[in-house]
């Protein structure tokens, strides 16, 4: 016991200050006698930590029949862009000649 009502293993105590001396002051400013308190400390108990394995990953299957519309749109835009570029280059070539 460390001069408080709680039994604490002194080697495990976490002291918050070197000492605790309080001097009361009345509302009219009159100072009272200094009071020394036991060395302040805190203690805590950490809950046990249990490690559990993470859940197994979900196996995803890819069906060969699935279709990604985004890829189709991208391919179509790329083909149109290429066709437009070829057409523009063809016109330039004829004007310069």
PDB file of N, CA and C in Angstrom:
ATOM      1  N   UNK A   1       0.858  -1.168   0.000  1.00  0.00           N
ATOM      2  CA  UNK A   1       0.000   0.000   0.000  1.00  0.00           C
ATOM      3  C   UNK A   1       0.903   1.230   0.000  1.00  0.00           C
ATOM      4  N   UNK A   2       0.562   2.236  -0.801  1.00  0.00           N
ATOM      5  CA  UNK A   2       1.421   3.414  -0.913  1.00  0.00           C
ATOM      6  C   UNK A   2       0.761   4.659  -0.311  1.00  0.00           C
ATOM      7  N   UNK A   3       0.359   4.577   0.935  1.00  0.00           N
ATOM      8  CA  UNK A   3      -0.269   5.677   1.682  1.00  0.00           C
ATOM      9  C   UNK A   3      -1.612   6.100   1.088  1.00  0.00           C
ATOM     10  N   UNK A   4      -2.228   5.253   0.318  1.00  0.00           N
ATOM     11  CA  UNK A   4      -3.587   5.491  -0.161  1.00  0.00           C
ATOM     12  C   UNK A   4      -4.411   4.290   0.240  1.00  0.00           C
ATOM     13  N   UNK A   5      -5.621   4.247  -0.203  1.00  0.00           N
ATOM     14  CA  UNK A   5      -6.467   3.111   0.153  1.00  0.00           C
ATOM     15  C   UNK A   5      -6.332   1.955  -0.815  1.00  0.00           C
ATOM     16  N   UNK A   6      -5.500   2.111  -1.843  1.00  0.00           N
ATOM     17  CA  UNK A   6      -5.349   1.074  -2.841  1.00  0.00           C
ATOM     18  C   UNK A   6      -3.991   0.402  -2.707  1.00  0.00           C
ATOM     19  N   UNK A   7      -4.012  -0.926  -2.736  1.00  0.00           N
ATOM     20  CA  UNK A   7      -2.751  -1.656  -2.694  1.00  0.00           C
ATOM     21  C   UNK A   7      -2.133  -1.642  -4.085  1.00  0.00           C
ATOM     22  N   UNK A   8      -0.892  -1.154  -4.183  1.00  0.00           N
ATOM     23  CA  UNK A   8      -0.205  -1.033  -5.463  1.00  0.00           C
ATOM     24  C   UNK A   8       1.196  -1.592  -5.310  1.00  0.00           C
ATOM     25  N   UNK A   9       1.639  -2.362  -6.302  1.00  0.00           N
ATOM     26  CA  UNK A   9       3.018  -2.809  -6.342  1.00  0.00           C
ATOM     27  C   UNK A   9       3.866  -1.582  -6.678  1.00  0.00           C
ATOM     28  N   UNK A  10       4.684  -1.143  -5.758  1.00  0.00           N
ATOM     29  CA  UNK A  10       5.444   0.099  -5.918  1.00  0.00           C
ATOM     30  C   UNK A  10       6.310   0.080  -7.177  1.00  0.00           C
ATOM     31  N   UNK A  11       6.808  -1.080  -7.569  1.00  0.00           N
ATOM     32  CA  UNK A  11       7.647  -1.148  -8.764  1.00  0.00           C
ATOM     33  C   UNK A  11       6.831  -0.918 -10.043  1.00  0.00           C
ATOM     34  N   UNK A  12       5.508  -1.059  -9.961  1.00  0.00           N
ATOM     35  CA  UNK A  12       4.661  -0.871 -11.132  1.00  0.00           C
ATOM     36  C   UNK A  12       3.832   0.405 -11.070  1.00  0.00           C
ATOM     37  N   UNK A  13       3.991   1.193 -10.033  1.00  0.00           N
ATOM     38  CA  UNK A  13       3.202   2.412  -9.886  1.00  0.00           C
ATOM     39  C   UNK A  13       3.689   3.470 -10.871  1.00  0.00           C
ATOM     40  N   UNK A  14       2.773   4.225 -11.399  1.00  0.00           N
ATOM     41  CA  UNK A  14       3.098   5.334 -12.293  1.00  0.00           C
ATOM     42  C   UNK A  14       2.857   6.628 -11.520  1.00  0.00           C
ATOM     43  N   UNK A  15       3.935   7.236 -11.087  1.00  0.00           N
ATOM     44  CA  UNK A  15       3.818   8.446 -10.282  1.00  0.00           C
ATOM     45  C   UNK A  15       3.635   9.660 -11.176  1.00  0.00           C
ATOM     46  N   UNK A  16       2.663  10.490 -10.831  1.00  0.00           N
ATOM     47  CA  UNK A  16       2.346  11.655 -11.645  1.00  0.00           C
ATOM     48  C   UNK A  16       3.152  12.884 -11.242  1.00  0.00           C
ATOM     49  N   UNK A  17       3.569  12.965  -9.996  1.00  0.00           N
ATOM     50  CA  UNK A  17       4.358  14.104  -9.485  1.00  0.00           C
ATOM     51  C   UNK A  17       5.365  13.597  -8.467  1.00  0.00           C
ATOM     52  N   UNK A  18       6.345  14.450  -8.160  1.00  0.00           N
ATOM     53  CA  UNK A  18       7.315  14.107  -7.120  1.00  0.00           C
ATOM     54  C   UNK A  18       6.703  14.273  -5.727  1.00  0.00           C
ATOM     55  N   UNK A  19       5.780  15.208  -5.610  1.00  0.00           N
ATOM     56  CA  UNK A  19       5.118  15.435  -4.325  1.00  0.00           C
ATOM     57  C   UNK A  19       3.791  16.126  -4.573  1.00  0.00           C
ATOM     58  N   UNK A  20       2.970  16.195  -3.523  1.00  0.00           N
ATOM     59  CA  UNK A  20       1.695  16.898  -3.618  1.00  0.00           C
ATOM     60  C   UNK A  20       1.487  17.684  -2.337  1.00  0.00           C
ATOM     61  N   UNK A  21       1.738  18.980  -2.429  1.00  0.00           N
ATOM     62  CA  UNK A  21       1.521  19.877  -1.287  1.00  0.00           C
ATOM     63  C   UNK A  21       0.519  20.936  -1.723  1.00  0.00           C
ATOM     64  N   UNK A  22      -0.594  21.001  -0.994  1.00  0.00           N
ATOM     65  CA  UNK A  22      -1.633  21.959  -1.321  1.00  0.00           C
ATOM     66  C   UNK A  22      -1.766  22.985  -0.202  1.00  0.00           C
ATOM     67  N   UNK A  23      -1.841  24.226  -0.597  1.00  0.00           N
ATOM     68  CA  UNK A  23      -2.011  25.307   0.367  1.00  0.00           C
ATOM     69  C   UNK A  23      -3.374  25.948   0.111  1.00  0.00           C
ATOM     70  N   UNK A  24      -4.310  25.765   1.034  1.00  0.00           N
ATOM     71  CA  UNK A  24      -5.634  26.334   0.822  1.00  0.00           C
ATOM     72  C   UNK A  24      -5.623  27.858   0.981  1.00  0.00           C
ATOM     73  N   UNK A  25      -6.459  28.522   0.178  1.00  0.00           N
ATOM     74  CA  UNK A  25      -6.620  29.975   0.271  1.00  0.00           C
ATOM     75  C   UNK A  25      -8.113  30.258   0.362  1.00  0.00           C
ATOM     76  N   UNK A  26      -8.497  31.005   1.351  1.00  0.00           N
ATOM     77  CA  UNK A  26      -9.906  31.349   1.557  1.00  0.00           C
ATOM     78  C   UNK A  26     -10.328  32.407   0.546  1.00  0.00           C
ATOM     79  N   UNK A  27     -11.627  32.607   0.403  1.00  0.00           N
ATOM     80  CA  UNK A  27     -12.136  33.597  -0.546  1.00  0.00           C
ATOM     81  C   UNK A  27     -11.722  35.013  -0.173  1.00  0.00           C
ATOM     82  N   UNK A  28     -11.441  35.233   1.107  1.00  0.00           N
ATOM     83  CA  UNK A  28     -10.991  36.576   1.508  1.00  0.00           C
ATOM     84  C   UNK A  28      -9.479  36.738   1.372  1.00  0.00           C
ATOM     85  N   UNK A  29      -8.792  35.706   0.837  1.00  0.00           N
ATOM     86  CA  UNK A  29      -7.355  35.795   0.593  1.00  0.00           C
ATOM     87  C   UNK A  29      -6.503  35.247   1.717  1.00  0.00           C
ATOM     88  N   UNK A  30      -7.109  34.861   2.831  1.00  0.00           N
ATOM     89  CA  UNK A  30      -6.334  34.335   3.958  1.00  0.00           C
ATOM     90  C   UNK A  30      -5.801  32.949   3.599  1.00  0.00           C
ATOM     91  N   UNK A  31      -4.477  32.767   3.768  1.00  0.00           N
ATOM     92  CA  UNK A  31      -3.828  31.522   3.394  1.00  0.00           C
ATOM     93  C   UNK A  31      -3.840  30.570   4.577  1.00  0.00           C
ATOM     94  N   UNK A  32      -4.195  29.326   4.304  1.00  0.00           N
ATOM     95  CA  UNK A  32      -4.222  28.307   5.345  1.00  0.00           C
ATOM     96  C   UNK A  32      -2.897  27.577   5.431  1.00  0.00           C
ATOM     97  N   UNK A  33      -2.876  26.573   6.293  1.00  0.00           N
ATOM     98  CA  UNK A  33      -1.668  25.782   6.510  1.00  0.00           C
ATOM     99  C   UNK A  33      -1.490  24.791   5.354  1.00  0.00           C
ATOM    100  N   UNK A  34      -0.254  24.625   4.864  1.00  0.00           N
ATOM    101  CA  UNK A  34       0.049  23.708   3.761  1.00  0.00           C
ATOM    102  C   UNK A  34      -0.217  22.282   4.197  1.00  0.00           C
ATOM    103  N   UNK A  35      -0.803  21.526   3.300  1.00  0.00           N
ATOM    104  CA  UNK A  35      -1.111  20.120   3.572  1.00  0.00           C
ATOM    105  C   UNK A  35      -0.340  19.257   2.590  1.00  0.00           C
ATOM    106  N   UNK A  36       0.400  18.287   3.145  1.00  0.00           N
ATOM    107  CA  UNK A  36       1.163  17.382   2.285  1.00  0.00           C
ATOM    108  C   UNK A  36       0.351  16.104   2.088  1.00  0.00           C
ATOM    109  N   UNK A  37       0.215  15.710   0.817  1.00  0.00           N
ATOM    110  CA  UNK A  37      -0.530  14.505   0.472  1.00  0.00           C
ATOM    111  C   UNK A  37       0.452  13.432   0.019  1.00  0.00           C
ATOM    112  N   UNK A  38       0.020  12.171   0.044  1.00  0.00           N
ATOM    113  CA  UNK A  38       0.905  11.109  -0.444  1.00  0.00           C
ATOM    114  C   UNK A  38       1.273  11.353  -1.907  1.00  0.00           C
ATOM    115  N   UNK A  39       2.400  10.808  -2.311  1.00  0.00           N
ATOM    116  CA  UNK A  39       2.880  10.949  -3.689  1.00  0.00           C
ATOM    117  C   UNK A  39       1.783  10.458  -4.637  1.00  0.00           C
ATOM    118  N   UNK A  40       1.290  11.337  -5.539  1.00  0.00           N
ATOM    119  CA  UNK A  40       0.205  10.914  -6.427  1.00  0.00           C
ATOM    120  C   UNK A  40       0.666   9.864  -7.436  1.00  0.00           C
ATOM    121  N   UNK A  41      -0.164   8.870  -7.640  1.00  0.00           N
ATOM    122  CA  UNK A  41       0.148   7.835  -8.624  1.00  0.00           C
ATOM    123  C   UNK A  41      -1.143   7.349  -9.264  1.00  0.00           C
ATOM    124  N   UNK A  42      -0.987   6.757 -10.401  1.00  0.00           N
ATOM    125  CA  UNK A  42      -2.115   6.133 -11.078  1.00  0.00           C
ATOM    126  C   UNK A  42      -1.762   4.693 -11.366  1.00  0.00           C
ATOM    127  N   UNK A  43      -2.752   3.882 -11.473  1.00  0.00           N
ATOM    128  CA  UNK A  43      -2.516   2.498 -11.864  1.00  0.00           C
ATOM    129  C   UNK A  43      -3.651   2.083 -12.785  1.00  0.00           C
ATOM    130  N   UNK A  44      -3.370   1.113 -13.623  1.00  0.00           N
ATOM    131  CA  UNK A  44      -4.381   0.608 -14.542  1.00  0.00           C
ATOM    132  C   UNK A  44      -4.102  -0.851 -14.817  1.00  0.00           C
ATOM    133  N   UNK A  45      -5.108  -1.506 -15.303  1.00  0.00           N
ATOM    134  CA  UNK A  45      -4.974  -2.900 -15.688  1.00  0.00           C
ATOM    135  C   UNK A  45      -5.317  -3.007 -17.161  1.00  0.00           C
ATOM    136  N   UNK A  46      -4.394  -3.526 -17.923  1.00  0.00           N
ATOM    137  CA  UNK A  46      -4.634  -3.701 -19.357  1.00  0.00           C
ATOM    138  C   UNK A  46      -5.391  -4.999 -19.571  1.00  0.00           C
ATOM    139  N   UNK A  47      -6.421  -4.911 -20.356  1.00  0.00           N
ATOM    140  CA  UNK A  47      -7.188  -6.110 -20.674  1.00  0.00           C
ATOM    141  C   UNK A  47      -6.343  -7.043 -21.534  1.00  0.00           C
ATOM    142  N   UNK A  48      -6.607  -8.311 -21.418  1.00  0.00           N
ATOM    143  CA  UNK A  48      -5.864  -9.292 -22.205  1.00  0.00           C
ATOM    144  C   UNK A  48      -6.165  -9.089 -23.682  1.00  0.00           C
ATOM    145  N   UNK A  49      -5.170  -9.308 -24.509  1.00  0.00           N
ATOM    146  CA  UNK A  49      -5.327  -9.159 -25.953  1.00  0.00           C
ATOM    147  C   UNK A  49      -5.304 -10.539 -26.570  1.00  0.00           C
ATOM    148  N   UNK A  50      -6.317 -10.843 -27.305  1.00  0.00           N
ATOM    149  CA  UNK A  50      -6.393 -12.142 -27.960  1.00  0.00           C
ATOM    150  C   UNK A  50      -6.293 -11.929 -29.461  1.00  0.00           C
ATOM    151  N   UNK A  51      -5.346 -12.593 -30.075  1.00  0.00           N
ATOM    152  CA  UNK A  51      -5.170 -12.486 -31.519  1.00  0.00           C
ATOM    153  C   UNK A  51      -5.973 -13.585 -32.186  1.00  0.00           C
ATOM    154  N   UNK A  52      -6.741 -13.219 -33.156  1.00  0.00           N
ATOM    155  CA  UNK A  52      -7.462 -14.228 -33.917  1.00  0.00           C
ATOM    156  C   UNK A  52      -7.037 -14.121 -35.375  1.00  0.00           C
ATOM    157  N   UNK A  53      -7.028 -15.245 -36.023  1.00  0.00           N
ATOM    158  CA  UNK A  53      -6.636 -15.279 -37.429  1.00  0.00           C
ATOM    159  C   UNK A  53      -7.653 -14.507 -38.261  1.00  0.00           C
ATOM    160  N   UNK A  54      -7.185 -13.764 -39.253  1.00  0.00           N
ATOM    161  CA  UNK A  54      -8.142 -13.076 -40.119  1.00  0.00           C
ATOM    162  C   UNK A  54      -8.934 -14.099 -40.928  1.00  0.00           C
ATOM    163  N   UNK A  55     -10.141 -13.729 -41.323  1.00  0.00           N
ATOM    164  CA  UNK A  55     -10.932 -14.689 -42.096  1.00  0.00           C
ATOM    165  C   UNK A  55     -10.259 -15.002 -43.425  1.00  0.00           C
ATOM    166  N   UNK A  56     -10.527 -16.192 -43.912  1.00  0.00           N
ATOM    167  CA  UNK A  56      -9.946 -16.613 -45.193  1.00  0.00           C
ATOM    168  C   UNK A  56     -10.500 -15.726 -46.301  1.00  0.00           C
ATOM    169  N   UNK A  57      -9.665 -15.387 -47.288  1.00  0.00           N
ATOM    170  CA  UNK A  57     -10.163 -14.548 -48.378  1.00  0.00           C
ATOM    171  C   UNK A  57     -11.235 -15.284 -49.182  1.00  0.00           C
ATOM    172  N   UNK A  58     -12.154 -14.508 -49.687  1.00  0.00           N
ATOM    173  CA  UNK A  58     -13.226 -15.078 -50.494  1.00  0.00           C
ATOM    174  C   UNK A  58     -12.661 -15.391 -51.875  1.00  0.00           C
ATOM    175  N   UNK A  59     -12.877 -16.607 -52.321  1.00  0.00           N
ATOM    176  CA  UNK A  59     -12.393 -16.984 -53.651  1.00  0.00           C
ATOM    177  C   UNK A  59     -13.386 -16.468 -54.678  1.00  0.00           C
ATOM    178  N   UNK A  60     -12.880 -15.696 -55.602  1.00  0.00           N
ATOM    179  CA  UNK A  60     -13.734 -15.134 -56.649  1.00  0.00           C
ATOM    180  C   UNK A  60     -13.477 -15.897 -57.937  1.00  0.00           C
ATOM    181  N   UNK A  61     -14.532 -16.212 -58.600  1.00  0.00           N
ATOM    182  CA  UNK A  61     -14.394 -16.907 -59.864  1.00  0.00           C
ATOM    183  C   UNK A  61     -14.754 -15.939 -60.982  1.00  0.00           C
ATOM    184  N   UNK A  62     -14.002 -16.003 -62.051  1.00  0.00           N
ATOM    185  CA  UNK A  62     -14.249 -15.158 -63.207  1.00  0.00           C
ATOM    186  C   UNK A  62     -14.860 -16.037 -64.280  1.00  0.00           C
ATOM    187  N   UNK A  63     -16.021 -15.656 -64.684  1.00  0.00           N
ATOM    188  CA  UNK A  63     -16.713 -16.427 -65.706  1.00  0.00           C
ATOM    189  C   UNK A  63     -16.265 -15.940 -67.082  1.00  0.00           C
ATOM    190  N   UNK A  64     -15.948 -16.839 -68.015  1.00  0.00           N
ATOM    191  CA  UNK A  64     -15.530 -16.398 -69.346  1.00  0.00           C
ATOM    192  C   UNK A  64     -16.671 -15.740 -70.117  1.00  0.00           C
ATOM    193  N   UNK A  65     -17.898 -15.869 -69.620  1.00  0.00           N
ATOM    194  CA  UNK A  65     -19.035 -15.270 -70.325  1.00  0.00           C
ATOM    195  C   UNK A  65     -19.310 -13.846 -69.868  1.00  0.00           C
ATOM    196  N   UNK A  66     -18.591 -13.357 -68.855  1.00  0.00           N
ATOM    197  CA  UNK A  66     -18.838 -11.989 -68.395  1.00  0.00           C
ATOM    198  C   UNK A  66     -18.262 -11.012 -69.407  1.00  0.00           C
ATOM    199  N   UNK A  67     -18.883  -9.863 -69.500  1.00  0.00           N
ATOM    200  CA  UNK A  67     -18.485  -8.868 -70.481  1.00  0.00           C
ATOM    201  C   UNK A  67     -18.364  -7.524 -69.789  1.00  0.00           C
ATOM    202  N   UNK A  68     -17.289  -6.826 -70.011  1.00  0.00           N
ATOM    203  CA  UNK A  68     -17.076  -5.518 -69.418  1.00  0.00           C
ATOM    204  C   UNK A  68     -17.411  -4.459 -70.464  1.00  0.00           C
ATOM    205  N   UNK A  69     -18.522  -3.786 -70.272  1.00  0.00           N
ATOM    206  CA  UNK A  69     -18.968  -2.780 -71.235  1.00  0.00           C
ATOM    207  C   UNK A  69     -17.985  -1.618 -71.319  1.00  0.00           C
ATOM    208  N   UNK A  70     -17.310  -1.301 -70.240  1.00  0.00           N
ATOM    209  CA  UNK A  70     -16.343  -0.200 -70.235  1.00  0.00           C
ATOM    210  C   UNK A  70     -15.208  -0.446 -71.208  1.00  0.00           C
ATOM    211  N   UNK A  71     -14.734  -1.661 -71.278  1.00  0.00           N
ATOM    212  CA  UNK A  71     -13.652  -2.001 -72.204  1.00  0.00           C
ATOM    213  C   UNK A  71     -14.144  -1.854 -73.642  1.00  0.00           C
ATOM    214  N   UNK A  72     -15.380  -2.266 -73.909  1.00  0.00           N
ATOM    215  CA  UNK A  72     -15.922  -2.165 -75.257  1.00  0.00           C
ATOM    216  C   UNK A  72     -16.029  -0.707 -75.692  1.00  0.00           C
ATOM    217  N   UNK A  73     -16.492   0.159 -74.781  1.00  0.00           N
ATOM    218  CA  UNK A  73     -16.610   1.588 -75.102  1.00  0.00           C
ATOM    219  C   UNK A  73     -15.225   2.171 -75.363  1.00  0.00           C
ATOM    220  N   UNK A  74     -14.266   1.818 -74.522  1.00  0.00           N
ATOM    221  CA  UNK A  74     -12.900   2.316 -74.689  1.00  0.00           C
ATOM    222  C   UNK A  74     -12.336   1.877 -76.046  1.00  0.00           C
ATOM    223  N   UNK A  75     -12.538   0.616 -76.408  1.00  0.00           N
ATOM    224  CA  UNK A  75     -12.019   0.104 -77.683  1.00  0.00           C
ATOM    225  C   UNK A  75     -12.676   0.825 -78.857  1.00  0.00           C
ATOM    226  N   UNK A  76     -13.988   1.086 -78.752  1.00  0.00           N
ATOM    227  CA  UNK A  76     -14.688   1.765 -79.836  1.00  0.00           C
ATOM    228  C   UNK A  76     -14.193   3.203 -79.996  1.00  0.00           C
ATOM    229  N   UNK A  77     -14.009   3.910 -78.889  1.00  0.00           N
ATOM    230  CA  UNK A  77     -13.504   5.292 -78.953  1.00  0.00           C
ATOM    231  C   UNK A  77     -12.095   5.303 -79.536  1.00  0.00           C
ATOM    232  N   UNK A  78     -11.262   4.357 -79.160  1.00  0.00           N
ATOM    233  CA  UNK A  78      -9.901   4.298 -79.694  1.00  0.00           C
ATOM    234  C   UNK A  78      -9.919   4.037 -81.198  1.00  0.00           C
ATOM    235  N   UNK A  79     -10.805   3.134 -81.646  1.00  0.00           N
ATOM    236  CA  UNK A  79     -10.891   2.821 -83.081  1.00  0.00           C
ATOM    237  C   UNK A  79     -11.381   4.029 -83.868  1.00  0.00           C
ATOM    238  N   UNK A  80     -12.386   4.747 -83.341  1.00  0.00           N
ATOM    239  CA  UNK A  80     -12.890   5.932 -84.034  1.00  0.00           C
ATOM    240  C   UNK A  80     -11.835   7.035 -84.086  1.00  0.00           C
ATOM    241  N   UNK A  81     -11.112   7.175 -83.011  1.00  0.00           N
ATOM    242  CA  UNK A  81     -10.055   8.179 -82.962  1.00  0.00           C
ATOM    243  C   UNK A  81      -8.976   7.863 -83.987  1.00  0.00           C
ATOM    244  N   UNK A  82      -8.590   6.606 -84.085  1.00  0.00           N
ATOM    245  CA  UNK A  82      -7.579   6.191 -85.049  1.00  0.00           C
ATOM    246  C   UNK A  82      -8.074   6.395 -86.477  1.00  0.00           C
ATOM    247  N   UNK A  83      -9.327   6.054 -86.721  1.00  0.00           N
ATOM    248  CA  UNK A  83      -9.892   6.226 -88.065  1.00  0.00           C
ATOM    249  C   UNK A  83      -9.930   7.711 -88.429  1.00  0.00           C
ATOM    250  N   UNK A  84     -10.293   8.567 -87.477  1.00  0.00           N
ATOM    251  CA  UNK A  84     -10.315  10.011 -87.727  1.00  0.00           C
ATOM    252  C   UNK A  84      -8.935  10.545 -88.013  1.00  0.00           C
ATOM    253  N   UNK A  85      -7.943  10.066 -87.310  1.00  0.00           N
ATOM    254  CA  UNK A  85      -6.569  10.525 -87.514  1.00  0.00           C
ATOM    255  C   UNK A  85      -6.072  10.107 -88.892  1.00  0.00           C
ATOM    256  N   UNK A  86      -6.393   8.894 -89.310  1.00  0.00           N
ATOM    257  CA  UNK A  86      -5.977   8.413 -90.629  1.00  0.00           C
ATOM    258  C   UNK A  86      -6.632   9.249 -91.721  1.00  0.00           C
ATOM    259  N   UNK A  87      -7.913   9.560 -91.549  1.00  0.00           N
ATOM    260  CA  UNK A  87      -8.630  10.350 -92.544  1.00  0.00           C
ATOM    261  C   UNK A  87      -8.025  11.753 -92.643  1.00  0.00           C
ATOM    262  N   UNK A  88      -7.703  12.375 -91.485  1.00  0.00           N
ATOM    263  CA  UNK A  88      -7.101  13.715 -91.497  1.00  0.00           C
ATOM    264  C   UNK A  88      -5.724  13.700 -92.155  1.00  0.00           C
ATOM    265  N   UNK A  89      -4.941  12.694 -91.869  1.00  0.00           N
ATOM    266  CA  UNK A  89      -3.611  12.602 -92.475  1.00  0.00           C
ATOM    267  C   UNK A  89      -3.734  12.402 -93.982  1.00  0.00           C
ATOM    268  N   UNK A  90      -4.737  11.662 -94.420  1.00  0.00           N
ATOM    269  CA  UNK A  90      -4.955  11.444 -95.841  1.00  0.00           C
ATOM    270  C   UNK A  90      -5.322  12.740 -96.550  1.00  0.00           C
ATOM    271  N   UNK A  91      -6.132  13.575 -95.930  1.00  0.00           N
ATOM    272  CA  UNK A  91      -6.498  14.858 -96.541  1.00  0.00           C
ATOM    273  C   UNK A  91      -5.298  15.793 -96.632  1.00  0.00           C
ATOM    274  N   UNK A  92      -4.513  15.839 -95.610  1.00  0.00           N
ATOM    275  CA  UNK A  92      -3.340  16.720 -95.598  1.00  0.00           C
ATOM    276  C   UNK A  92      -2.376  16.343 -96.714  1.00  0.00           C
ATOM    277  N   UNK A  93      -2.198  15.062 -96.877  1.00  0.00           N
ATOM    278  CA  UNK A  93      -1.282  14.592 -97.891  1.00  0.00           C
ATOM    279  C   UNK A  93      -1.704  15.032 -99.291  1.00  0.00           C
ATOM    280  N   UNK A  94      -3.010  15.033 -99.562  1.00  0.00           N
ATOM    281  CA  UNK A  94      -3.484  15.427-100.877  1.00  0.00           C
ATOM    282  C   UNK A  94      -3.369  16.917-101.094  1.00  0.00           C
ATOM    283  N   UNK A  95      -3.582  17.718-100.082  1.00  0.00           N
ATOM    284  CA  UNK A  95      -3.480  19.175-100.234  1.00  0.00           C
ATOM    285  C   UNK A  95      -2.038  19.599-100.483  1.00  0.00           C
ATOM    286  N   UNK A  96      -1.106  18.981 -99.791  1.00  0.00           N
ATOM    287  CA  UNK A  96       0.301  19.379 -99.905  1.00  0.00           C
ATOM    288  C   UNK A  96       0.896  18.937-101.240  1.00  0.00           C
ATOM    289  N   UNK A  97       0.336  17.949-101.860  1.00  0.00           N
ATOM    290  CA  UNK A  97       0.915  17.414-103.090  1.00  0.00           C
ATOM    291  C   UNK A  97       0.654  18.263-104.301  1.00  0.00           C
TER     292      UNK A  97
END
